[in-house]
mmCIF file of all heavy atoms, coordinates in Angstrom:
data_MODEL
# 
_entry.id   MODEL 
# 
loop_
_atom_site.group_PDB 
_atom_site.id 
_atom_site.type_symbol 
_atom_site.label_atom_id 
_atom_site.label_alt_id 
_atom_site.label_comp_id 
_atom_site.label_asym_id 
_atom_site.label_entity_id 
_atom_site.label_seq_id 
_atom_site.pdbx_PDB_ins_code 
_atom_site.Cartn_x 
_atom_site.Cartn_y 
_atom_site.Cartn_z 
_atom_site.occupancy 
_atom_site.B_iso_or_equiv 
_atom_site.pdbx_formal_charge 
_atom_site.auth_seq_id 
_atom_site.auth_comp_id 
_atom_site.auth_asym_id 
_atom_site.auth_atom_id 
_atom_site.pdbx_PDB_model_num 
ATOM 1   N N   . GLU A 1 1  ? 5.916  8.148  -14.008 1.00 0.00 ? 1  GLU A N   1 
ATOM 2   C CA  . GLU A 1 1  ? 4.740  7.328  -13.627 1.00 0.00 ? 1  GLU A CA  1 
ATOM 3   C C   . GLU A 1 1  ? 4.933  6.676  -12.267 1.00 0.00 ? 1  GLU A C   1 
ATOM 4   O O   . GLU A 1 1  ? 3.959  6.394  -11.619 1.00 0.00 ? 1  GLU A O   1 
ATOM 5   C CB  . GLU A 1 1  ? 4.422  6.196  -14.690 1.00 0.00 ? 1  GLU A CB  1 
ATOM 6   C CG  . GLU A 1 1  ? 5.398  5.224  -14.913 1.00 0.00 ? 1  GLU A CG  1 
ATOM 7   C CD  . GLU A 1 1  ? 5.147  4.137  -15.904 1.00 0.00 ? 1  GLU A CD  1 
ATOM 8   O OE1 . GLU A 1 1  ? 4.051  4.370  -16.693 1.00 0.00 ? 1  GLU A OE1 1 
ATOM 9   O OE2 . GLU A 1 1  ? 5.841  3.262  -16.098 1.00 0.00 ? 1  GLU A OE2 1 
ATOM 10  N N   . ASN A 1 2  ? 6.306  6.431  -11.836 1.00 0.00 ? 2  ASN A N   1 
ATOM 11  C CA  . ASN A 1 2  ? 6.498  5.827  -10.630 1.00 0.00 ? 2  ASN A CA  1 
ATOM 12  C C   . ASN A 1 2  ? 6.636  6.840  -9.396  1.00 0.00 ? 2  ASN A C   1 
ATOM 13  O O   . ASN A 1 2  ? 6.601  6.451  -8.263  1.00 0.00 ? 2  ASN A O   1 
ATOM 14  C CB  . ASN A 1 2  ? 7.712  5.189  -10.635 1.00 0.00 ? 2  ASN A CB  1 
ATOM 15  C CG  . ASN A 1 2  ? 7.589  3.909  -11.583 1.00 0.00 ? 2  ASN A CG  1 
ATOM 16  O OD1 . ASN A 1 2  ? 6.733  3.210  -11.482 1.00 0.00 ? 2  ASN A OD1 1 
ATOM 17  N ND2 . ASN A 1 2  ? 8.570  3.647  -12.377 1.00 0.00 ? 2  ASN A ND2 1 
ATOM 18  N N   . LEU A 1 3  ? 6.588  8.177  -9.721  1.00 0.00 ? 3  LEU A N   1 
ATOM 19  C CA  . LEU A 1 3  ? 6.533  9.239  -8.782  1.00 0.00 ? 3  LEU A CA  1 
ATOM 20  C C   . LEU A 1 3  ? 5.075  9.252  -8.187  1.00 0.00 ? 3  LEU A C   1 
ATOM 21  O O   . LEU A 1 3  ? 4.277  9.932  -8.923  1.00 0.00 ? 3  LEU A O   1 
ATOM 22  C CB  . LEU A 1 3  ? 7.084  10.539 -9.256  1.00 0.00 ? 3  LEU A CB  1 
ATOM 23  C CG  . LEU A 1 3  ? 7.008  11.606 -8.160  1.00 0.00 ? 3  LEU A CG  1 
ATOM 24  C CD1 . LEU A 1 3  ? 8.014  11.399 -7.032  1.00 0.00 ? 3  LEU A CD1 1 
ATOM 25  C CD2 . LEU A 1 3  ? 7.427  12.932 -8.831  1.00 0.00 ? 3  LEU A CD2 1 
ATOM 26  N N   . LEU A 1 4  ? 4.731  8.776  -7.166  1.00 0.00 ? 4  LEU A N   1 
ATOM 27  C CA  . LEU A 1 4  ? 3.329  8.792  -6.666  1.00 0.00 ? 4  LEU A CA  1 
ATOM 28  C C   . LEU A 1 4  ? 2.970  10.080 -5.858  1.00 0.00 ? 4  LEU A C   1 
ATOM 29  O O   . LEU A 1 4  ? 1.816  10.394 -6.012  1.00 0.00 ? 4  LEU A O   1 
ATOM 30  C CB  . LEU A 1 4  ? 3.150  7.519  -5.666  1.00 0.00 ? 4  LEU A CB  1 
ATOM 31  C CG  . LEU A 1 4  ? 3.578  6.142  -6.333  1.00 0.00 ? 4  LEU A CG  1 
ATOM 32  C CD1 . LEU A 1 4  ? 3.242  5.071  -5.377  1.00 0.00 ? 4  LEU A CD1 1 
ATOM 33  C CD2 . LEU A 1 4  ? 2.747  5.962  -7.667  1.00 0.00 ? 4  LEU A CD2 1 
ATOM 34  N N   . VAL A 1 5  ? 3.966  10.634 -5.204  1.00 0.00 ? 5  VAL A N   1 
ATOM 35  C CA  . VAL A 1 5  ? 3.767  11.918 -4.500  1.00 0.00 ? 5  VAL A CA  1 
ATOM 36  C C   . VAL A 1 5  ? 4.950  12.791 -4.821  1.00 0.00 ? 5  VAL A C   1 
ATOM 37  O O   . VAL A 1 5  ? 6.030  12.423 -4.306  1.00 0.00 ? 5  VAL A O   1 
ATOM 38  C CB  . VAL A 1 5  ? 3.577  11.713 -2.940  1.00 0.00 ? 5  VAL A CB  1 
ATOM 39  C CG1 . VAL A 1 5  ? 3.245  13.029 -2.283  1.00 0.00 ? 5  VAL A CG1 1 
ATOM 40  C CG2 . VAL A 1 5  ? 2.414  10.681 -2.781  1.00 0.00 ? 5  VAL A CG2 1 
ATOM 41  N N   . GLY A 1 6  ? 4.757  14.055 -5.221  1.00 0.00 ? 6  GLY A N   1 
ATOM 42  C CA  . GLY A 1 6  ? 5.807  14.933 -5.449  1.00 0.00 ? 6  GLY A CA  1 
ATOM 43  C C   . GLY A 1 6  ? 5.556  16.265 -4.537  1.00 0.00 ? 6  GLY A C   1 
ATOM 44  O O   . GLY A 1 6  ? 4.904  16.084 -3.510  1.00 0.00 ? 6  GLY A O   1 
ATOM 45  N N   . PHE A 1 7  ? 6.029  17.339 -4.940  1.00 0.00 ? 7  PHE A N   1 
ATOM 46  C CA  . PHE A 1 7  ? 5.825  18.496 -4.123  1.00 0.00 ? 7  PHE A CA  1 
ATOM 47  C C   . PHE A 1 7  ? 4.640  19.391 -4.643  1.00 0.00 ? 7  PHE A C   1 
ATOM 48  O O   . PHE A 1 7  ? 4.306  20.523 -4.045  1.00 0.00 ? 7  PHE A O   1 
ATOM 49  C CB  . PHE A 1 7  ? 7.197  19.390 -3.865  1.00 0.00 ? 7  PHE A CB  1 
ATOM 50  C CG  . PHE A 1 7  ? 7.506  20.043 -5.163  1.00 0.00 ? 7  PHE A CG  1 
ATOM 51  C CD1 . PHE A 1 7  ? 6.887  21.117 -5.655  1.00 0.00 ? 7  PHE A CD1 1 
ATOM 52  C CD2 . PHE A 1 7  ? 8.643  19.562 -5.890  1.00 0.00 ? 7  PHE A CD2 1 
ATOM 53  C CE1 . PHE A 1 7  ? 7.360  21.781 -6.861  1.00 0.00 ? 7  PHE A CE1 1 
ATOM 54  C CE2 . PHE A 1 7  ? 9.043  20.229 -7.098  1.00 0.00 ? 7  PHE A CE2 1 
ATOM 55  C CZ  . PHE A 1 7  ? 8.409  21.376 -7.567  1.00 0.00 ? 7  PHE A CZ  1 
ATOM 56  N N   . ASP A 1 8  ? 3.807  18.894 -5.573  1.00 0.00 ? 8  ASP A N   1 
ATOM 57  C CA  . ASP A 1 8  ? 2.729  19.712 -6.114  1.00 0.00 ? 8  ASP A CA  1 
ATOM 58  C C   . ASP A 1 8  ? 1.637  20.020 -5.256  1.00 0.00 ? 8  ASP A C   1 
ATOM 59  O O   . ASP A 1 8  ? 0.920  20.892 -5.426  1.00 0.00 ? 8  ASP A O   1 
ATOM 60  C CB  . ASP A 1 8  ? 2.292  18.974 -7.392  1.00 0.00 ? 8  ASP A CB  1 
ATOM 61  C CG  . ASP A 1 8  ? 1.778  17.563 -7.206  1.00 0.00 ? 8  ASP A CG  1 
ATOM 62  O OD1 . ASP A 1 8  ? 2.568  16.797 -6.530  1.00 0.00 ? 8  ASP A OD1 1 
ATOM 63  O OD2 . ASP A 1 8  ? 0.787  17.182 -7.708  1.00 0.00 ? 8  ASP A OD2 1 
ATOM 64  N N   . LYS A 1 9  ? 1.418  19.134 -4.222  1.00 0.00 ? 9  LYS A N   1 
ATOM 65  C CA  . LYS A 1 9  ? 0.451  19.368 -3.155  1.00 0.00 ? 9  LYS A CA  1 
ATOM 66  C C   . LYS A 1 9  ? 0.936  19.571 -1.892  1.00 0.00 ? 9  LYS A C   1 
ATOM 67  O O   . LYS A 1 9  ? 0.187  19.294 -0.827  1.00 0.00 ? 9  LYS A O   1 
ATOM 68  C CB  . LYS A 1 9  ? -0.653 18.209 -3.286  1.00 0.00 ? 9  LYS A CB  1 
ATOM 69  C CG  . LYS A 1 9  ? -1.402 18.202 -4.568  1.00 0.00 ? 9  LYS A CG  1 
ATOM 70  C CD  . LYS A 1 9  ? -2.680 17.116 -4.547  1.00 0.00 ? 9  LYS A CD  1 
ATOM 71  C CE  . LYS A 1 9  ? -3.464 17.291 -5.727  1.00 0.00 ? 9  LYS A CE  1 
ATOM 72  N NZ  . LYS A 1 9  ? -4.578 16.366 -5.739  1.00 0.00 ? 9  LYS A NZ  1 
ATOM 73  N N   . SER A 1 10 ? 2.100  20.099 -1.734  1.00 0.00 ? 10 SER A N   1 
ATOM 74  C CA  . SER A 1 10 ? 2.660  20.418 -0.367  1.00 0.00 ? 10 SER A CA  1 
ATOM 75  C C   . SER A 1 10 ? 2.689  19.338 0.654   1.00 0.00 ? 10 SER A C   1 
ATOM 76  O O   . SER A 1 10 ? 2.284  19.508 1.770   1.00 0.00 ? 10 SER A O   1 
ATOM 77  C CB  . SER A 1 10 ? 1.974  21.755 0.130   1.00 0.00 ? 10 SER A CB  1 
ATOM 78  O OG  . SER A 1 10 ? 2.030  22.737 -0.824  1.00 0.00 ? 10 SER A OG  1 
ATOM 79  N N   . ASP A 1 11 ? 2.948  18.091 0.009   1.00 0.00 ? 11 ASP A N   1 
ATOM 80  C CA  . ASP A 1 11 ? 2.831  16.950 1.148   1.00 0.00 ? 11 ASP A CA  1 
ATOM 81  C C   . ASP A 1 11 ? 4.084  16.881 1.946   1.00 0.00 ? 11 ASP A C   1 
ATOM 82  O O   . ASP A 1 11 ? 5.039  17.675 1.760   1.00 0.00 ? 11 ASP A O   1 
ATOM 83  C CB  . ASP A 1 11 ? 2.624  15.641 0.310   1.00 0.00 ? 11 ASP A CB  1 
ATOM 84  C CG  . ASP A 1 11 ? 1.521  14.823 0.920   1.00 0.00 ? 11 ASP A CG  1 
ATOM 85  O OD1 . ASP A 1 11 ? 1.525  14.631 2.122   1.00 0.00 ? 11 ASP A OD1 1 
ATOM 86  O OD2 . ASP A 1 11 ? 0.707  14.407 0.204   1.00 0.00 ? 11 ASP A OD2 1 
ATOM 87  N N   . ASP A 1 12 ? 4.089  15.927 2.949   1.00 0.00 ? 12 ASP A N   1 
ATOM 88  C CA  . ASP A 1 12 ? 5.099  15.793 4.019   1.00 0.00 ? 12 ASP A CA  1 
ATOM 89  C C   . ASP A 1 12 ? 6.357  15.304 3.451   1.00 0.00 ? 12 ASP A C   1 
ATOM 90  O O   . ASP A 1 12 ? 7.421  15.409 3.904   1.00 0.00 ? 12 ASP A O   1 
ATOM 91  C CB  . ASP A 1 12 ? 4.527  15.122 5.126   1.00 0.00 ? 12 ASP A CB  1 
ATOM 92  C CG  . ASP A 1 12 ? 3.370  15.689 5.840   1.00 0.00 ? 12 ASP A CG  1 
ATOM 93  O OD1 . ASP A 1 12 ? 3.568  16.800 6.256   1.00 0.00 ? 12 ASP A OD1 1 
ATOM 94  O OD2 . ASP A 1 12 ? 2.255  15.077 5.819   1.00 0.00 ? 12 ASP A OD2 1 
ATOM 95  N N   . ALA A 1 13 ? 6.141  14.267 2.400   1.00 0.00 ? 13 ALA A N   1 
ATOM 96  C CA  . ALA A 1 13 ? 7.353  13.656 1.762   1.00 0.00 ? 13 ALA A CA  1 
ATOM 97  C C   . ALA A 1 13 ? 7.078  13.181 0.442   1.00 0.00 ? 13 ALA A C   1 
ATOM 98  O O   . ALA A 1 13 ? 5.838  13.185 -0.133  1.00 0.00 ? 13 ALA A O   1 
ATOM 99  C CB  . ALA A 1 13 ? 7.707  12.442 2.793   1.00 0.00 ? 13 ALA A CB  1 
ATOM 100 N N   . SER A 1 14 ? 8.093  12.878 -0.182  1.00 0.00 ? 14 SER A N   1 
ATOM 101 C CA  . SER A 1 14 ? 7.936  12.405 -1.701  1.00 0.00 ? 14 SER A CA  1 
ATOM 102 C C   . SER A 1 14 ? 7.830  10.762 -1.604  1.00 0.00 ? 14 SER A C   1 
ATOM 103 O O   . SER A 1 14 ? 8.365  10.147 -0.656  1.00 0.00 ? 14 SER A O   1 
ATOM 104 C CB  . SER A 1 14 ? 9.084  12.626 -2.566  1.00 0.00 ? 14 SER A CB  1 
ATOM 105 O OG  . SER A 1 14 ? 10.335 12.199 -2.172  1.00 0.00 ? 14 SER A OG  1 
ATOM 106 N N   . VAL A 1 15 ? 7.098  10.264 -2.576  1.00 0.00 ? 15 VAL A N   1 
ATOM 107 C CA  . VAL A 1 15 ? 6.944  8.802  -2.661  1.00 0.00 ? 15 VAL A CA  1 
ATOM 108 C C   . VAL A 1 15 ? 7.101  8.309  -3.957  1.00 0.00 ? 15 VAL A C   1 
ATOM 109 O O   . VAL A 1 15 ? 6.665  8.741  -4.976  1.00 0.00 ? 15 VAL A O   1 
ATOM 110 C CB  . VAL A 1 15 ? 5.380  8.386  -2.169  1.00 0.00 ? 15 VAL A CB  1 
ATOM 111 C CG1 . VAL A 1 15 ? 5.420  6.832  -2.205  1.00 0.00 ? 15 VAL A CG1 1 
ATOM 112 C CG2 . VAL A 1 15 ? 5.085  8.887  -0.768  1.00 0.00 ? 15 VAL A CG2 1 
ATOM 113 N N   . TYR A 1 16 ? 8.042  7.336  -4.082  1.00 0.00 ? 16 TYR A N   1 
ATOM 114 C CA  . TYR A 1 16 ? 8.423  6.758  -5.463  1.00 0.00 ? 16 TYR A CA  1 
ATOM 115 C C   . TYR A 1 16 ? 8.258  5.368  -5.424  1.00 0.00 ? 16 TYR A C   1 
ATOM 116 O O   . TYR A 1 16 ? 8.681  4.517  -4.559  1.00 0.00 ? 16 TYR A O   1 
ATOM 117 C CB  . TYR A 1 16 ? 9.878  7.003  -5.765  1.00 0.00 ? 16 TYR A CB  1 
ATOM 118 C CG  . TYR A 1 16 ? 10.257 6.808  -7.112  1.00 0.00 ? 16 TYR A CG  1 
ATOM 119 C CD1 . TYR A 1 16 ? 10.105 7.665  -8.167  1.00 0.00 ? 16 TYR A CD1 1 
ATOM 120 C CD2 . TYR A 1 16 ? 10.819 5.607  -7.419  1.00 0.00 ? 16 TYR A CD2 1 
ATOM 121 C CE1 . TYR A 1 16 ? 10.402 7.454  -9.518  1.00 0.00 ? 16 TYR A CE1 1 
ATOM 122 C CE2 . TYR A 1 16 ? 11.133 5.199  -8.790  1.00 0.00 ? 16 TYR A CE2 1 
ATOM 123 C CZ  . TYR A 1 16 ? 10.946 6.116  -9.844  1.00 0.00 ? 16 TYR A CZ  1 
ATOM 124 O OH  . TYR A 1 16 ? 11.325 5.862  -11.028 1.00 0.00 ? 16 TYR A OH  1 
ATOM 125 N N   . LYS A 1 17 ? 7.386  4.759  -6.431  1.00 0.00 ? 17 LYS A N   1 
ATOM 126 C CA  . LYS A 1 17 ? 7.075  3.245  -6.491  1.00 0.00 ? 17 LYS A CA  1 
ATOM 127 C C   . LYS A 1 17 ? 8.401  2.529  -6.963  1.00 0.00 ? 17 LYS A C   1 
ATOM 128 O O   . LYS A 1 17 ? 8.835  2.836  -8.128  1.00 0.00 ? 17 LYS A O   1 
ATOM 129 C CB  . LYS A 1 17 ? 5.859  3.141  -7.371  1.00 0.00 ? 17 LYS A CB  1 
ATOM 130 C CG  . LYS A 1 17 ? 5.461  1.706  -7.513  1.00 0.00 ? 17 LYS A CG  1 
ATOM 131 C CD  . LYS A 1 17 ? 4.234  1.672  -8.472  1.00 0.00 ? 17 LYS A CD  1 
ATOM 132 C CE  . LYS A 1 17 ? 3.799  0.177  -8.587  1.00 0.00 ? 17 LYS A CE  1 
ATOM 133 N NZ  . LYS A 1 17 ? 2.527  0.182  -9.583  1.00 0.00 ? 17 LYS A NZ  1 
ATOM 134 N N   . VAL A 1 18 ? 8.734  1.531  -6.248  1.00 0.00 ? 18 VAL A N   1 
ATOM 135 C CA  . VAL A 1 18 ? 9.827  0.610  -6.631  1.00 0.00 ? 18 VAL A CA  1 
ATOM 136 C C   . VAL A 1 18 ? 9.274  -0.688 -7.224  1.00 0.00 ? 18 VAL A C   1 
ATOM 137 O O   . VAL A 1 18 ? 9.763  -1.138 -8.360  1.00 0.00 ? 18 VAL A O   1 
ATOM 138 C CB  . VAL A 1 18 ? 10.676 0.369  -5.536  1.00 0.00 ? 18 VAL A CB  1 
ATOM 139 C CG1 . VAL A 1 18 ? 11.929 -0.667 -5.867  1.00 0.00 ? 18 VAL A CG1 1 
ATOM 140 C CG2 . VAL A 1 18 ? 11.429 1.573  -4.882  1.00 0.00 ? 18 VAL A CG2 1 
ATOM 141 N N   . SER A 1 19 ? 8.221  -1.101 -6.738  1.00 0.00 ? 19 SER A N   1 
ATOM 142 C CA  . SER A 1 19 ? 7.565  -2.430 -7.256  1.00 0.00 ? 19 SER A CA  1 
ATOM 143 C C   . SER A 1 19 ? 6.124  -2.294 -6.814  1.00 0.00 ? 19 SER A C   1 
ATOM 144 O O   . SER A 1 19 ? 5.759  -1.357 -6.089  1.00 0.00 ? 19 SER A O   1 
ATOM 145 C CB  . SER A 1 19 ? 8.322  -3.567 -6.581  1.00 0.00 ? 19 SER A CB  1 
ATOM 146 O OG  . SER A 1 19 ? 7.891  -3.786 -5.239  1.00 0.00 ? 19 SER A OG  1 
ATOM 147 N N   . ASP A 1 20 ? 5.429  -3.302 -7.163  1.00 0.00 ? 20 ASP A N   1 
ATOM 148 C CA  . ASP A 1 20 ? 3.982  -3.345 -6.781  1.00 0.00 ? 20 ASP A CA  1 
ATOM 149 C C   . ASP A 1 20 ? 3.794  -3.546 -5.242  1.00 0.00 ? 20 ASP A C   1 
ATOM 150 O O   . ASP A 1 20 ? 2.734  -3.359 -4.778  1.00 0.00 ? 20 ASP A O   1 
ATOM 151 C CB  . ASP A 1 20 ? 3.294  -4.480 -7.393  1.00 0.00 ? 20 ASP A CB  1 
ATOM 152 C CG  . ASP A 1 20 ? 3.220  -4.385 -8.938  1.00 0.00 ? 20 ASP A CG  1 
ATOM 153 O OD1 . ASP A 1 20 ? 3.150  -3.113 -9.439  1.00 0.00 ? 20 ASP A OD1 1 
ATOM 154 O OD2 . ASP A 1 20 ? 2.918  -5.259 -9.673  1.00 0.00 ? 20 ASP A OD2 1 
ATOM 155 N N   . GLU A 1 21 ? 4.897  -3.899 -4.527  1.00 0.00 ? 21 GLU A N   1 
ATOM 156 C CA  . GLU A 1 21 ? 4.869  -4.017 -3.156  1.00 0.00 ? 21 GLU A CA  1 
ATOM 157 C C   . GLU A 1 21 ? 5.556  -3.093 -2.281  1.00 0.00 ? 21 GLU A C   1 
ATOM 158 O O   . GLU A 1 21 ? 5.424  -3.080 -1.055  1.00 0.00 ? 21 GLU A O   1 
ATOM 159 C CB  . GLU A 1 21 ? 5.384  -5.446 -2.821  1.00 0.00 ? 21 GLU A CB  1 
ATOM 160 C CG  . GLU A 1 21 ? 4.709  -6.744 -3.444  1.00 0.00 ? 21 GLU A CG  1 
ATOM 161 C CD  . GLU A 1 21 ? 3.254  -6.818 -3.068  1.00 0.00 ? 21 GLU A CD  1 
ATOM 162 O OE1 . GLU A 1 21 ? 2.995  -6.579 -1.771  1.00 0.00 ? 21 GLU A OE1 1 
ATOM 163 O OE2 . GLU A 1 21 ? 2.355  -7.207 -3.869  1.00 0.00 ? 21 GLU A OE2 1 
ATOM 164 N N   . LEU A 1 22 ? 6.318  -2.218 -2.963  1.00 0.00 ? 22 LEU A N   1 
ATOM 165 C CA  . LEU A 1 22 ? 7.248  -1.308 -2.287  1.00 0.00 ? 22 LEU A CA  1 
ATOM 166 C C   . LEU A 1 22 ? 7.332  -0.043 -2.832  1.00 0.00 ? 22 LEU A C   1 
ATOM 167 O O   . LEU A 1 22 ? 7.451  0.135  -3.996  1.00 0.00 ? 22 LEU A O   1 
ATOM 168 C CB  . LEU A 1 22 ? 8.665  -1.949 -2.062  1.00 0.00 ? 22 LEU A CB  1 
ATOM 169 C CG  . LEU A 1 22 ? 9.763  -1.120 -1.467  1.00 0.00 ? 22 LEU A CG  1 
ATOM 170 C CD1 . LEU A 1 22 ? 9.311  -0.990 0.041   1.00 0.00 ? 22 LEU A CD1 1 
ATOM 171 C CD2 . LEU A 1 22 ? 11.078 -1.721 -1.595  1.00 0.00 ? 22 LEU A CD2 1 
ATOM 172 N N   . ALA A 1 23 ? 7.166  1.165  -2.106  1.00 0.00 ? 23 ALA A N   1 
ATOM 173 C CA  . ALA A 1 23 ? 7.422  2.421  -2.474  1.00 0.00 ? 23 ALA A CA  1 
ATOM 174 C C   . ALA A 1 23 ? 8.338  2.973  -1.335  1.00 0.00 ? 23 ALA A C   1 
ATOM 175 O O   . ALA A 1 23 ? 8.326  2.780  -0.212  1.00 0.00 ? 23 ALA A O   1 
ATOM 176 C CB  . ALA A 1 23 ? 6.073  3.240  -2.552  1.00 0.00 ? 23 ALA A CB  1 
ATOM 177 N N   . LEU A 1 24 ? 9.285  3.913  -1.961  1.00 0.00 ? 24 LEU A N   1 
ATOM 178 C CA  . LEU A 1 24 ? 10.211 4.715  -1.083  1.00 0.00 ? 24 LEU A CA  1 
ATOM 179 C C   . LEU A 1 24 ? 9.576  6.029  -0.599  1.00 0.00 ? 24 LEU A C   1 
ATOM 180 O O   . LEU A 1 24 ? 9.099  6.692  -1.544  1.00 0.00 ? 24 LEU A O   1 
ATOM 181 C CB  . LEU A 1 24 ? 11.452 5.053  -1.664  1.00 0.00 ? 24 LEU A CB  1 
ATOM 182 C CG  . LEU A 1 24 ? 12.378 3.791  -2.122  1.00 0.00 ? 24 LEU A CG  1 
ATOM 183 C CD1 . LEU A 1 24 ? 13.729 4.234  -2.821  1.00 0.00 ? 24 LEU A CD1 1 
ATOM 184 C CD2 . LEU A 1 24 ? 12.626 2.946  -0.854  1.00 0.00 ? 24 LEU A CD2 1 
ATOM 185 N N   . VAL A 1 25 ? 9.641  6.419  0.596   1.00 0.00 ? 25 VAL A N   1 
ATOM 186 C CA  . VAL A 1 25 ? 9.103  7.566  1.151   1.00 0.00 ? 25 VAL A CA  1 
ATOM 187 C C   . VAL A 1 25 ? 10.429 8.355  1.548   1.00 0.00 ? 25 VAL A C   1 
ATOM 188 O O   . VAL A 1 25 ? 11.209 7.945  2.294   1.00 0.00 ? 25 VAL A O   1 
ATOM 189 C CB  . VAL A 1 25 ? 8.249  7.387  2.380   1.00 0.00 ? 25 VAL A CB  1 
ATOM 190 C CG1 . VAL A 1 25 ? 7.674  8.628  2.858   1.00 0.00 ? 25 VAL A CG1 1 
ATOM 191 C CG2 . VAL A 1 25 ? 7.177  6.431  2.075   1.00 0.00 ? 25 VAL A CG2 1 
ATOM 192 N N   . GLN A 1 26 ? 10.563 9.652  1.024   1.00 0.00 ? 26 GLN A N   1 
ATOM 193 C CA  . GLN A 1 26 ? 11.736 10.366 1.449   1.00 0.00 ? 26 GLN A CA  1 
ATOM 194 C C   . GLN A 1 26 ? 11.394 11.814 1.874   1.00 0.00 ? 26 GLN A C   1 
ATOM 195 O O   . GLN A 1 26 ? 10.539 12.377 1.427   1.00 0.00 ? 26 GLN A O   1 
ATOM 196 C CB  . GLN A 1 26 ? 12.720 10.485 0.137   1.00 0.00 ? 26 GLN A CB  1 
ATOM 197 C CG  . GLN A 1 26 ? 13.324 9.100  -0.152  1.00 0.00 ? 26 GLN A CG  1 
ATOM 198 C CD  . GLN A 1 26 ? 14.400 9.329  -1.220  1.00 0.00 ? 26 GLN A CD  1 
ATOM 199 O OE1 . GLN A 1 26 ? 14.287 9.862  -2.273  1.00 0.00 ? 26 GLN A OE1 1 
ATOM 200 N NE2 . GLN A 1 26 ? 15.658 8.670  -0.880  1.00 0.00 ? 26 GLN A NE2 1 
ATOM 201 N N   . THR A 1 27 ? 12.135 12.267 2.883   1.00 0.00 ? 27 THR A N   1 
ATOM 202 C CA  . THR A 1 27 ? 12.011 13.570 3.431   1.00 0.00 ? 27 THR A CA  1 
ATOM 203 C C   . THR A 1 27 ? 13.401 14.069 3.961   1.00 0.00 ? 27 THR A C   1 
ATOM 204 O O   . THR A 1 27 ? 14.227 13.327 4.142   1.00 0.00 ? 27 THR A O   1 
ATOM 205 C CB  . THR A 1 27 ? 10.983 13.488 4.632   1.00 0.00 ? 27 THR A CB  1 
ATOM 206 O OG1 . THR A 1 27 ? 10.690 14.908 4.936   1.00 0.00 ? 27 THR A OG1 1 
ATOM 207 C CG2 . THR A 1 27 ? 11.409 12.795 5.771   1.00 0.00 ? 27 THR A CG2 1 
ATOM 208 N N   . VAL A 1 28 ? 13.262 15.359 4.221   1.00 0.00 ? 28 VAL A N   1 
ATOM 209 C CA  . VAL A 1 28 ? 14.471 16.011 4.823   1.00 0.00 ? 28 VAL A CA  1 
ATOM 210 C C   . VAL A 1 28 ? 13.891 17.039 5.744   1.00 0.00 ? 28 VAL A C   1 
ATOM 211 O O   . VAL A 1 28 ? 13.045 17.978 5.399   1.00 0.00 ? 28 VAL A O   1 
ATOM 212 C CB  . VAL A 1 28 ? 15.442 16.579 3.888   1.00 0.00 ? 28 VAL A CB  1 
ATOM 213 C CG1 . VAL A 1 28 ? 14.857 17.615 2.942   1.00 0.00 ? 28 VAL A CG1 1 
ATOM 214 C CG2 . VAL A 1 28 ? 16.776 17.028 4.516   1.00 0.00 ? 28 VAL A CG2 1 
# 
């Protein structure tokens, strides 16, 4: 539920929610 963006829609990076104020954006 905290994975806000995965690779299912070919997006530029993944986004994981850490808290209500912060999410991590990761790419390579």
